[in-house]
Protein backbone atom coordinates (compact mmCIF):
# COMPACT_ATOMS: atom_id res chain seq x y z
CA GLN A 1 66.64 88.29 154.33
CA VAL A 2 66.22 87.06 150.42
CA ARG A 3 68.17 83.41 149.98
CA LEU A 4 69.23 83.06 146.33
CA VAL A 5 69.83 79.93 144.91
CA GLU A 6 71.15 79.54 141.32
CA SER A 7 70.89 76.09 139.17
CA GLY A 8 71.36 75.26 135.41
CA GLY A 9 75.31 75.67 134.69
CA GLY A 10 77.34 73.09 133.01
CA LEU A 11 79.64 72.95 130.13
CA VAL A 12 78.22 73.21 126.58
CA GLN A 13 80.40 73.77 123.46
CA ALA A 14 80.25 77.19 121.53
CA GLY A 15 77.05 78.37 119.67
CA GLY A 16 75.18 76.43 122.39
CA SER A 17 72.77 77.80 124.87
CA LEU A 18 72.20 77.11 128.75
CA ARG A 19 69.07 78.45 130.86
CA LEU A 20 70.03 79.62 134.49
CA SER A 21 67.83 79.85 137.30
CA CYS A 22 67.93 81.63 140.46
CA ALA A 23 65.13 80.83 142.88
CA ALA A 24 64.34 83.29 145.60
CA SER A 25 63.23 82.43 148.99
CA VAL A 26 61.01 85.18 149.81
CA ARG A 27 57.12 85.63 150.47
CA THR A 28 57.30 88.39 147.19
CA LEU A 29 60.11 89.88 144.73
CA ASN A 30 57.38 92.65 144.10
CA SER A 31 60.30 95.36 145.04
CA TYR A 32 63.22 93.87 144.06
CA VAL A 33 65.68 93.97 141.22
CA MET A 34 67.31 90.63 140.26
CA GLY A 35 70.36 90.82 138.74
CA TRP A 36 73.30 88.40 136.98
CA PHE A 37 76.50 88.85 137.26
CA ARG A 38 79.90 86.86 136.26
CA GLN A 39 83.45 86.18 137.25
CA ALA A 40 85.99 84.38 135.15
CA PRO A 41 89.47 83.52 136.32
CA GLY A 42 91.71 86.35 137.24
CA LYS A 43 88.75 89.07 136.14
CA GLU A 44 86.95 91.17 138.48
CA ARG A 45 82.98 90.10 138.55
CA GLU A 46 81.08 91.93 136.01
CA PHE A 47 77.21 92.77 135.28
CA VAL A 48 75.44 90.61 132.89
CA ALA A 49 71.81 91.37 133.14
CA GLY A 50 68.85 92.88 135.37
CA ILE A 51 65.15 92.58 135.82
CA SER A 52 62.75 94.41 137.59
CA TRP A 53 60.33 91.78 139.05
CA SER A 54 57.46 94.19 138.99
CA ALA A 55 57.78 96.04 135.92
CA GLY A 56 59.71 93.72 133.69
CA ASN A 57 61.98 96.39 132.38
CA THR A 58 65.58 94.60 131.65
CA ASP A 59 69.36 95.89 131.05
CA TYR A 60 71.90 93.79 129.61
CA ALA A 61 75.86 94.30 129.55
CA ASP A 62 76.90 95.05 125.51
CA SER A 63 78.71 91.59 125.39
CA VAL A 64 75.69 89.95 125.78
CA LYS A 65 73.10 91.87 123.83
CA GLY A 66 71.16 90.03 121.31
CA ARG A 67 72.27 86.68 122.84
CA PHE A 68 71.04 86.71 126.96
CA THR A 69 67.84 87.19 127.92
CA SER A 70 66.41 87.36 131.66
CA SER A 71 62.91 86.83 132.39
CA ARG A 72 61.01 85.78 135.65
CA ASP A 73 58.19 83.50 136.95
CA ASN A 74 56.15 85.15 139.62
CA ALA A 75 54.59 81.86 140.41
CA LYS A 76 58.03 80.34 141.05
CA ASN A 77 60.00 83.25 142.46
CA THR A 78 62.40 82.52 139.58
CA VAL A 79 64.26 84.65 137.70
CA TYR A 80 65.89 82.90 134.62
CA LEU A 81 69.00 83.90 132.19
CA GLN A 82 68.60 82.30 128.93
CA MET A 83 71.80 82.54 127.16
CA ASN A 84 72.28 81.63 123.70
CA SER A 85 75.30 81.60 121.21
CA LEU A 86 77.92 81.25 123.81
CA LYS A 87 81.33 81.76 123.63
CA PRO A 88 84.19 80.50 124.81
CA GLU A 89 84.92 84.17 126.39
CA ASP A 90 81.17 83.62 128.12
CA THR A 91 83.14 81.10 130.67
CA ALA A 92 82.78 82.15 134.17
CA VAL A 93 81.17 81.65 137.36
CA TYR A 94 77.55 83.26 137.16
CA TYR A 95 75.45 85.20 140.24
CA CYS A 96 72.01 85.91 140.84
CA ALA A 97 72.33 88.78 142.81
CA ALA A 98 68.91 91.09 144.37
CA TYR A 99 68.27 94.51 145.92
CA SER A 100 65.19 96.06 147.06
CA ASP A 101 64.14 99.33 145.02
CA ARG A 102 60.71 101.11 144.90
CA TYR A 103 61.26 102.56 141.74
CA TRP A 104 62.47 99.54 140.22
CA ARG A 105 65.75 100.86 138.68
CA ILE A 106 68.47 98.52 137.25
CA TYR A 107 72.08 99.34 138.69
CA ALA A 108 75.09 97.30 136.93
CA ALA A 109 77.15 98.38 140.00
CA GLU A 110 77.74 95.04 142.46
CA SER A 111 77.91 97.46 145.42
CA ARG A 112 74.17 97.94 144.89
CA TYR A 113 73.03 94.26 145.44
CA ASP A 114 72.52 93.18 149.15
CA TYR A 115 71.80 89.39 148.30
CA TRP A 116 73.72 87.14 146.25
CA GLY A 117 73.87 83.47 145.47
CA GLN A 118 76.46 81.12 145.62
CA GLY A 119 77.31 80.87 141.97
CA THR A 120 76.85 78.42 139.24
CA GLN A 121 79.67 77.25 136.61
CA VAL A 122 79.38 77.84 133.25
CA THR A 123 82.03 76.52 131.16
CA VAL A 124 82.04 77.15 127.00
CA SER A 125 84.47 74.84 125.21
CA SER A 126 85.64 76.18 121.59
């Protein structure tokens, strides 16, 4: 069982930055892929970014490429989502998610993810 706790959301003006954190309560994340999803009001939840813990490879949705960066801190069992050049359309509840994959393949489908955090609100004002 993996427990995920997000933090770092808030209100920011367009063009600003936020860094989300996702702390995982598991002894090791070596076999895990961590993902970030978001859900805006009235919309379906969508994939934002993913990172494989051991290999460190990443993947991003086209809408955030060049603006968002995912990274991890092995010592803290924490994954981050650095969000720069934020736009009003980035407003959503952001979720951290995880699944185990021996080949560290990053999937965008939320059905692939077994563990989810509670979400953190990000609001970008224009």
